[in-house]
Amino acid sequence: MAELIHDLDAYIAHLPGARAEVKRVAEVRAARIRAVAVGQQDTGEFLRSIKTHTGGTDTVIYSDDPAALSKNYGHQTPNGHMVAGIHAFEAGL
């Protein structure tokens, strides 16, 4: 008879191979994000701000640049001019 394993998703998520694969995929996606960011910058600040952090079973891709949202999605200048975003994070999906 089949055995029902409660919290099977948590069990699988904690397997060493699963955690390693999650981290690997995140690093590949972060590389895609950086590839878009590298060609769309003046100072390199946004590119340097794209990082990954692994904790427990997840790996997060993030930017610690205070202007990351404006750079990624676009923004309006004080004189009303629209600046298009580079959509780097979407490239990592």
Protein backbone atom coordinates (compact mmCIF):
# COMPACT_ATOMS: atom_id res chain seq x y z
CA MET A 1 0.00 0.00 0.00
CA ALA A 2 1.21 3.52 -0.78
CA GLU A 3 2.48 5.64 2.04
CA LEU A 4 1.38 9.25 2.37
CA ILE A 5 4.23 11.56 3.31
CA HIS A 6 3.06 14.73 5.00
CA ASP A 7 4.95 17.87 3.95
CA LEU A 8 6.48 16.08 0.97
CA ASP A 9 7.32 19.44 -0.61
CA ALA A 10 9.39 20.45 2.42
CA TYR A 11 11.13 17.06 2.42
CA ILE A 12 12.07 17.42 -1.25
CA ALA A 13 13.10 21.08 -0.84
CA HIS A 14 15.62 20.12 1.84
CA LEU A 15 17.32 17.41 -0.22
CA PRO A 16 20.90 18.46 -1.04
CA GLY A 17 20.39 17.92 -4.75
CA ALA A 18 17.25 20.03 -4.83
CA ARG A 19 18.90 22.91 -2.96
CA ALA A 20 21.91 22.77 -5.28
CA GLU A 21 19.67 22.86 -8.35
CA VAL A 22 17.68 25.83 -7.04
CA LYS A 23 20.96 27.70 -6.46
CA ARG A 24 22.27 26.74 -9.91
CA VAL A 25 19.12 27.94 -11.67
CA ALA A 26 19.20 31.21 -9.71
CA GLU A 27 22.82 31.82 -10.75
CA VAL A 28 21.93 31.19 -14.42
CA ARG A 29 19.03 33.64 -14.17
CA ALA A 30 21.19 36.22 -12.39
CA ALA A 31 23.70 35.95 -15.25
CA ARG A 32 20.90 36.73 -17.74
CA ILE A 33 19.92 39.77 -15.68
CA ARG A 34 23.53 40.98 -15.56
CA ALA A 35 23.89 40.45 -19.33
CA VAL A 36 21.05 42.92 -19.93
CA ALA A 37 22.26 45.35 -17.27
CA VAL A 38 25.83 45.49 -18.58
CA GLY A 39 24.82 47.18 -21.83
CA GLN A 40 22.44 49.67 -20.27
CA GLN A 41 24.47 51.67 -17.80
CA ASP A 42 26.70 54.66 -17.30
CA THR A 43 28.35 53.95 -13.95
CA GLY A 44 28.07 50.20 -13.48
CA GLU A 45 26.28 50.68 -10.16
CA PHE A 46 23.17 48.74 -11.19
CA LEU A 47 25.22 45.84 -12.56
CA ARG A 48 27.28 45.60 -9.35
CA SER A 49 24.11 45.70 -7.27
CA ILE A 50 22.64 42.48 -8.74
CA LYS A 51 23.32 39.69 -6.25
CA THR A 52 22.07 36.33 -5.08
CA HIS A 53 21.54 35.12 -1.53
CA THR A 54 21.00 31.49 -0.57
CA GLY A 55 19.32 30.73 2.72
CA GLY A 56 17.71 27.46 3.68
CA THR A 57 16.00 26.09 0.61
CA ASP A 58 15.66 29.26 -1.47
CA THR A 59 17.98 31.48 -3.46
CA VAL A 60 16.89 35.07 -4.01
CA ILE A 61 18.08 37.32 -6.81
CA TYR A 62 17.99 40.99 -5.84
CA SER A 63 19.46 44.43 -6.37
CA ASP A 64 20.56 46.64 -3.50
CA ASP A 65 20.76 49.71 -5.73
CA PRO A 66 18.36 52.32 -4.25
CA ALA A 67 17.26 53.25 -7.78
CA ALA A 68 16.83 49.66 -9.00
CA LEU A 69 13.06 49.93 -9.53
CA SER A 70 13.41 53.09 -11.63
CA LYS A 71 16.25 51.62 -13.66
CA ASN A 72 14.49 48.31 -14.26
CA TYR A 73 10.94 49.54 -14.89
CA GLY A 74 11.52 53.12 -16.03
CA HIS A 75 10.69 56.47 -14.50
CA GLN A 76 9.68 60.05 -15.17
CA THR A 77 12.25 62.83 -14.79
CA PRO A 78 11.35 66.02 -12.88
CA ASN A 79 10.75 67.83 -16.20
CA GLY A 80 8.25 65.16 -17.28
CA HIS A 81 10.43 63.18 -19.68
CA MET A 82 9.83 59.43 -19.55
CA VAL A 83 12.91 57.22 -19.29
CA ALA A 84 12.34 53.64 -20.41
CA GLY A 85 13.33 50.85 -18.09
CA ILE A 86 15.84 48.21 -19.11
CA HIS A 87 13.70 45.31 -17.84
CA ALA A 88 16.75 43.31 -16.80
CA PHE A 89 14.94 41.30 -14.13
CA GLU A 90 12.35 40.15 -16.65
CA ALA A 91 15.21 38.73 -18.74
CA GLY A 92 15.97 36.41 -15.87
CA LEU A 93 12.54 34.80 -15.86
